[in-house]
Amino acid sequence: MSTFQRSTHARIALTLVVLGATLACSDKQHSLAGSTDVNAAVDSLNARISKAYRDHDPVAYGRLFTDSAVFEWPAFETVRGRAGLEAMARENWMSLSEMDLKLDVAHRRVASDHVTEFGAFQQAYRDTSGKHTEYGRYVAVLVPSGDGWRMDRFFGFSDSTAKR
């Protein structure tokens, strides 16, 4: 790993630590009534995200985000909006098969107007060079919509500690 990559991973990790500390210390955190229902609804959203991966369905994937969603991943330019997310998925999934996405939620914070989720993911796929599994970490901000919950912000990065 180059010095630049180590530096980038360190900056990303530091950003996540600061974000986590800020959220943990915030005095504006309030529980929504029925947080059990909120957790079930967010679990359902996560299951639909994984299903969109398995089904290679960029339209279904895009529908799980808000119109103003922001998707940040160091390997891509930042993607904005539902249409941008559909296009990103369509382009990136075109050459992949046997895709699967598993999310492991480490912490979920329910606030009055959003949910913040921290976790790890495991993305499996096959391309022309064979079968691969990528591991990483993510932070997501989810917001209620008229028909459930949608992802409004996503920041993820590959786990530098996983064997390649």
C-alpha atoms as a PDB file:
ATOM      1  CA  MET A   1       0.000   0.000   0.000  1.00  0.00           C
ATOM      2  CA  SER A   2       1.389   3.388  -0.964  1.00  0.00           C
ATOM      3  CA  THR A   3       1.903   6.276   1.419  1.00  0.00           C
ATOM      4  CA  PHE A   4      -0.923   8.127  -0.341  1.00  0.00           C
ATOM      5  CA  GLN A   5      -3.329   5.192   0.205  1.00  0.00           C
ATOM      6  CA  ARG A   6      -2.364   4.888   3.884  1.00  0.00           C
ATOM      7  CA  SER A   7      -2.838   8.632   4.292  1.00  0.00           C
ATOM      8  CA  THR A   8      -6.231   8.481   2.579  1.00  0.00           C
ATOM      9  CA  HIS A   9      -7.359   5.567   4.763  1.00  0.00           C
ATOM     10  CA  ALA A  10      -6.175   7.414   7.870  1.00  0.00           C
ATOM     11  CA  ARG A  11      -8.117  10.550   6.886  1.00  0.00           C
ATOM     12  CA  ILE A  12     -11.255   8.513   6.242  1.00  0.00           C
ATOM     13  CA  ALA A  13     -10.942   6.707   9.574  1.00  0.00           C
ATOM     14  CA  LEU A  14     -10.386  10.004  11.390  1.00  0.00           C
ATOM     15  CA  THR A  15     -13.431  11.522   9.690  1.00  0.00           C
ATOM     16  CA  LEU A  16     -15.588   8.603  10.822  1.00  0.00           C
ATOM     17  CA  VAL A  17     -14.277   8.827  14.393  1.00  0.00           C
ATOM     18  CA  VAL A  18     -15.043  12.560  14.534  1.00  0.00           C
ATOM     19  CA  LEU A  19     -18.495  11.999  13.020  1.00  0.00           C
ATOM     20  CA  GLY A  20     -19.222   9.237  15.519  1.00  0.00           C
ATOM     21  CA  ALA A  21     -18.062  11.326  18.468  1.00  0.00           C
ATOM     22  CA  THR A  22     -20.117  14.289  17.289  1.00  0.00           C
ATOM     23  CA  LEU A  23     -23.240  12.180  16.998  1.00  0.00           C
ATOM     24  CA  ALA A  24     -22.644  10.486  20.338  1.00  0.00           C
ATOM     25  CA  CYS A  25     -22.201  13.816  22.109  1.00  0.00           C
ATOM     26  CA  SER A  26     -25.045  15.631  20.432  1.00  0.00           C
ATOM     27  CA  ASP A  27     -27.704  16.827  22.874  1.00  0.00           C
ATOM     28  CA  LYS A  28     -30.255  16.949  20.072  1.00  0.00           C
ATOM     29  CA  GLN A  29     -30.662  13.179  19.910  1.00  0.00           C
ATOM     30  CA  HIS A  30     -34.200  12.152  20.783  1.00  0.00           C
ATOM     31  CA  SER A  31     -35.788   8.760  20.421  1.00  0.00           C
ATOM     32  CA  LEU A  32     -38.675   8.470  18.032  1.00  0.00           C
ATOM     33  CA  ALA A  33     -41.785   6.976  19.508  1.00  0.00           C
ATOM     34  CA  GLY A  34     -41.917   3.372  18.398  1.00  0.00           C
ATOM     35  CA  SER A  35     -38.172   3.003  17.822  1.00  0.00           C
ATOM     36  CA  THR A  36     -38.765  -0.764  17.522  1.00  0.00           C
ATOM     37  CA  ASP A  37     -40.919   0.000  14.472  1.00  0.00           C
ATOM     38  CA  VAL A  38     -38.218   2.314  13.120  1.00  0.00           C
ATOM     39  CA  ASN A  39     -35.569  -0.384  13.531  1.00  0.00           C
ATOM     40  CA  ALA A  40     -37.766  -2.915  11.732  1.00  0.00           C
ATOM     41  CA  ALA A  41     -38.410  -0.445   8.902  1.00  0.00           C
ATOM     42  CA  VAL A  42     -34.697   0.352   8.530  1.00  0.00           C
ATOM     43  CA  ASP A  43     -33.862  -3.371   8.593  1.00  0.00           C
ATOM     44  CA  SER A  44     -36.391  -3.757   5.775  1.00  0.00           C
ATOM     45  CA  LEU A  45     -34.690  -0.967   3.794  1.00  0.00           C
ATOM     46  CA  ASN A  46     -31.330  -2.718   4.229  1.00  0.00           C
ATOM     47  CA  ALA A  47     -32.853  -5.991   3.024  1.00  0.00           C
ATOM     48  CA  ARG A  48     -34.216  -4.221  -0.089  1.00  0.00           C
ATOM     49  CA  ILE A  49     -30.765  -2.755  -0.795  1.00  0.00           C
ATOM     50  CA  SER A  50     -29.243  -6.257  -0.648  1.00  0.00           C
ATOM     51  CA  LYS A  51     -32.048  -7.583  -2.864  1.00  0.00           C
ATOM     52  CA  ALA A  52     -31.413  -4.860  -5.471  1.00  0.00           C
ATOM     53  CA  TYR A  53     -27.772  -6.031  -5.581  1.00  0.00           C
ATOM     54  CA  ARG A  54     -28.698  -9.698  -5.972  1.00  0.00           C
ATOM     55  CA  ASP A  55     -31.309  -8.880  -8.630  1.00  0.00           C
ATOM     56  CA  HIS A  56     -29.002  -6.496 -10.555  1.00  0.00           C
ATOM     57  CA  ASP A  57     -31.821  -3.938 -10.406  1.00  0.00           C
ATOM     58  CA  PRO A  58     -30.455  -0.374 -10.580  1.00  0.00           C
ATOM     59  CA  VAL A  59     -33.965   1.124 -10.690  1.00  0.00           C
ATOM     60  CA  ALA A  60     -34.980  -0.651  -7.466  1.00  0.00           C
ATOM     61  CA  TYR A  61     -31.651   0.433  -5.966  1.00  0.00           C
ATOM     62  CA  GLY A  62     -32.240   4.080  -6.901  1.00  0.00           C
ATOM     63  CA  ARG A  63     -35.754   4.045  -5.422  1.00  0.00           C
ATOM     64  CA  LEU A  64     -34.254   3.341  -1.995  1.00  0.00           C
ATOM     65  CA  PHE A  65     -32.577   6.772  -1.921  1.00  0.00           C
ATOM     66  CA  THR A  66     -33.971  10.284  -1.609  1.00  0.00           C
ATOM     67  CA  ASP A  67     -33.993  12.598  -4.614  1.00  0.00           C
ATOM     68  CA  SER A  68     -31.227  14.604  -2.924  1.00  0.00           C
ATOM     69  CA  ALA A  69     -29.164  11.608  -1.763  1.00  0.00           C
ATOM     70  CA  VAL A  70     -25.371  11.792  -1.696  1.00  0.00           C
ATOM     71  CA  PHE A  71     -23.236   8.657  -2.144  1.00  0.00           C
ATOM     72  CA  GLU A  72     -19.550   8.979  -1.275  1.00  0.00           C
ATOM     73  CA  TRP A  73     -16.958   6.322  -1.956  1.00  0.00           C
ATOM     74  CA  PRO A  74     -13.250   7.080  -2.359  1.00  0.00           C
ATOM     75  CA  ALA A  75     -12.992   5.050  -5.588  1.00  0.00           C
ATOM     76  CA  PHE A  76     -15.795   7.054  -7.304  1.00  0.00           C
ATOM     77  CA  GLU A  77     -16.711  10.640  -7.814  1.00  0.00           C
ATOM     78  CA  THR A  78     -19.475  11.625  -5.415  1.00  0.00           C
ATOM     79  CA  VAL A  79     -22.859  10.599  -6.806  1.00  0.00           C
ATOM     80  CA  ARG A  80     -25.915  12.772  -6.188  1.00  0.00           C
ATOM     81  CA  GLY A  81     -29.600  12.047  -6.539  1.00  0.00           C
ATOM     82  CA  ARG A  82     -31.685   9.033  -7.357  1.00  0.00           C
ATOM     83  CA  ALA A  83     -30.993   9.205 -11.108  1.00  0.00           C
ATOM     84  CA  GLY A  84     -27.248   9.412 -10.470  1.00  0.00           C
ATOM     85  CA  LEU A  85     -27.374   6.376  -8.197  1.00  0.00           C
ATOM     86  CA  GLU A  86     -29.323   4.378 -10.777  1.00  0.00           C
ATOM     87  CA  ALA A  87     -26.780   5.312 -13.449  1.00  0.00           C
ATOM     88  CA  MET A  88     -23.847   4.427 -11.173  1.00  0.00           C
ATOM     89  CA  ALA A  89     -25.365   1.033 -10.346  1.00  0.00           C
ATOM     90  CA  ARG A  90     -26.237   0.331 -13.992  1.00  0.00           C
ATOM     91  CA  GLU A  91     -22.694   1.143 -15.149  1.00  0.00           C
ATOM     92  CA  ASN A  92     -20.838  -0.634 -12.348  1.00  0.00           C
ATOM     93  CA  TRP A  93     -23.011  -3.738 -12.211  1.00  0.00           C
ATOM     94  CA  MET A  94     -23.012  -4.341 -15.973  1.00  0.00           C
ATOM     95  CA  SER A  95     -19.891  -6.538 -15.962  1.00  0.00           C
ATOM     96  CA  LEU A  96     -20.608  -8.280 -12.638  1.00  0.00           C
ATOM     97  CA  SER A  97     -22.563 -11.424 -11.837  1.00  0.00           C
ATOM     98  CA  GLU A  98     -23.412 -13.416  -8.719  1.00  0.00           C
ATOM     99  CA  MET A  99     -23.588 -10.207  -6.708  1.00  0.00           C
ATOM    100  CA  ASP A 100     -24.526 -10.187  -3.057  1.00  0.00           C
ATOM    101  CA  LEU A 101     -24.363  -7.574  -0.315  1.00  0.00           C
ATOM    102  CA  LYS A 102     -24.423  -8.337   3.401  1.00  0.00           C
ATOM    103  CA  LEU A 103     -24.723  -5.507   5.904  1.00  0.00           C
ATOM    104  CA  ASP A 104     -23.663  -5.909   9.517  1.00  0.00           C
ATOM    105  CA  VAL A 105     -25.084  -3.018  11.528  1.00  0.00           C
ATOM    106  CA  ALA A 106     -22.752  -2.121  14.391  1.00  0.00           C
ATOM    107  CA  HIS A 107     -24.719   0.819  15.768  1.00  0.00           C
ATOM    108  CA  ARG A 108     -27.933   2.592  14.900  1.00  0.00           C
ATOM    109  CA  ARG A 109     -28.939   5.906  16.405  1.00  0.00           C
ATOM    110  CA  VAL A 110     -32.579   6.913  16.111  1.00  0.00           C
ATOM    111  CA  ALA A 111     -33.178  10.672  16.257  1.00  0.00           C
ATOM    112  CA  SER A 112     -36.327  12.740  15.867  1.00  0.00           C
ATOM    113  CA  ASP A 113     -35.950  13.221  12.112  1.00  0.00           C
ATOM    114  CA  HIS A 114     -33.406  10.649  10.908  1.00  0.00           C
ATOM    115  CA  VAL A 115     -31.523   7.464  11.667  1.00  0.00           C
ATOM    116  CA  THR A 116     -27.732   7.233  11.565  1.00  0.00           C
ATOM    117  CA  GLU A 117     -26.305   3.785  10.996  1.00  0.00           C
ATOM    118  CA  PHE A 118     -22.702   2.601  11.328  1.00  0.00           C
ATOM    119  CA  GLY A 119     -21.666  -0.812  10.133  1.00  0.00           C
ATOM    120  CA  ALA A 120     -19.609  -3.151   8.027  1.00  0.00           C
ATOM    121  CA  PHE A 121     -20.425  -4.706   4.692  1.00  0.00           C
ATOM    122  CA  GLN A 122     -19.370  -7.670   2.640  1.00  0.00           C
ATOM    123  CA  GLN A 123     -19.915  -7.433  -1.111  1.00  0.00           C
ATOM    124  CA  ALA A 124     -19.412 -10.552  -3.216  1.00  0.00           C
ATOM    125  CA  TYR A 125     -19.400 -10.628  -7.016  1.00  0.00           C
ATOM    126  CA  ARG A 126     -17.942 -12.378 -10.013  1.00  0.00           C
ATOM    127  CA  ASP A 127     -16.245 -10.578 -12.888  1.00  0.00           C
ATOM    128  CA  THR A 128     -14.061 -11.690 -15.788  1.00  0.00           C
ATOM    129  CA  SER A 129     -11.159 -12.400 -13.412  1.00  0.00           C
ATOM    130  CA  GLY A 130     -13.159 -14.588 -11.038  1.00  0.00           C
ATOM    131  CA  LYS A 131     -15.083 -14.405  -7.776  1.00  0.00           C
ATOM    132  CA  HIS A 132     -14.261 -11.603  -5.327  1.00  0.00           C
ATOM    133  CA  THR A 133     -15.362 -10.452  -1.897  1.00  0.00           C
ATOM    134  CA  GLU A 134     -14.809  -6.903  -0.690  1.00  0.00           C
ATOM    135  CA  TYR A 135     -15.081  -5.828   2.929  1.00  0.00           C
ATOM    136  CA  GLY A 136     -15.667  -2.326   4.171  1.00  0.00           C
ATOM    137  CA  ARG A 137     -17.251   0.082   6.610  1.00  0.00           C
ATOM    138  CA  TYR A 138     -20.066   2.539   6.121  1.00  0.00           C
ATOM    139  CA  VAL A 139     -22.052   5.342   7.687  1.00  0.00           C
ATOM    140  CA  ALA A 140     -25.561   6.015   6.414  1.00  0.00           C
ATOM    141  CA  VAL A 141     -28.160   8.649   7.223  1.00  0.00           C
ATOM    142  CA  LEU A 142     -31.725   7.534   6.613  1.00  0.00           C
ATOM    143  CA  VAL A 143     -34.825   9.722   6.577  1.00  0.00           C
ATOM    144  CA  PRO A 144     -38.528   8.929   6.749  1.00  0.00           C
ATOM    145  CA  SER A 145     -40.566   9.286   3.591  1.00  0.00           C
ATOM    146  CA  GLY A 146     -44.248   8.849   2.888  1.00  0.00           C
ATOM    147  CA  ASP A 147     -43.867   5.146   2.199  1.00  0.00           C
ATOM    148  CA  GLY A 148     -41.069   4.094   4.551  1.00  0.00           C
ATOM    149  CA  TRP A 149     -37.444   5.050   4.953  1.00  0.00           C
ATOM    150  CA  ARG A 150     -34.941   6.177   2.326  1.00  0.00           C
ATOM    151  CA  MET A 151     -31.181   6.565   2.353  1.00  0.00           C
ATOM    152  CA  ASP A 152     -30.175  10.227   2.188  1.00  0.00           C
ATOM    153  CA  ARG A 153     -26.409  10.028   2.753  1.00  0.00           C
ATOM    154  CA  PHE A 154     -23.982   7.150   2.383  1.00  0.00           C
ATOM    155  CA  PHE A 155     -20.268   7.147   3.018  1.00  0.00           C
ATOM    156  CA  GLY A 156     -18.338   3.919   2.659  1.00  0.00           C
ATOM    157  CA  PHE A 157     -14.795   2.739   2.203  1.00  0.00           C
ATOM    158  CA  SER A 158     -12.915  -0.514   1.722  1.00  0.00           C
ATOM    159  CA  ASP A 159     -11.562  -2.100   4.861  1.00  0.00           C
ATOM    160  CA  SER A 160      -7.796  -1.755   4.684  1.00  0.00           C
ATOM    161  CA  THR A 161      -7.349  -4.507   7.276  1.00  0.00           C
ATOM    162  CA  ALA A 162      -8.920  -7.252   5.126  1.00  0.00           C
ATOM    163  CA  LYS A 163      -6.622  -9.599   3.218  1.00  0.00           C
ATOM    164  CA  ARG A 164      -6.688  -9.024  -0.512  1.00  0.00           C
END
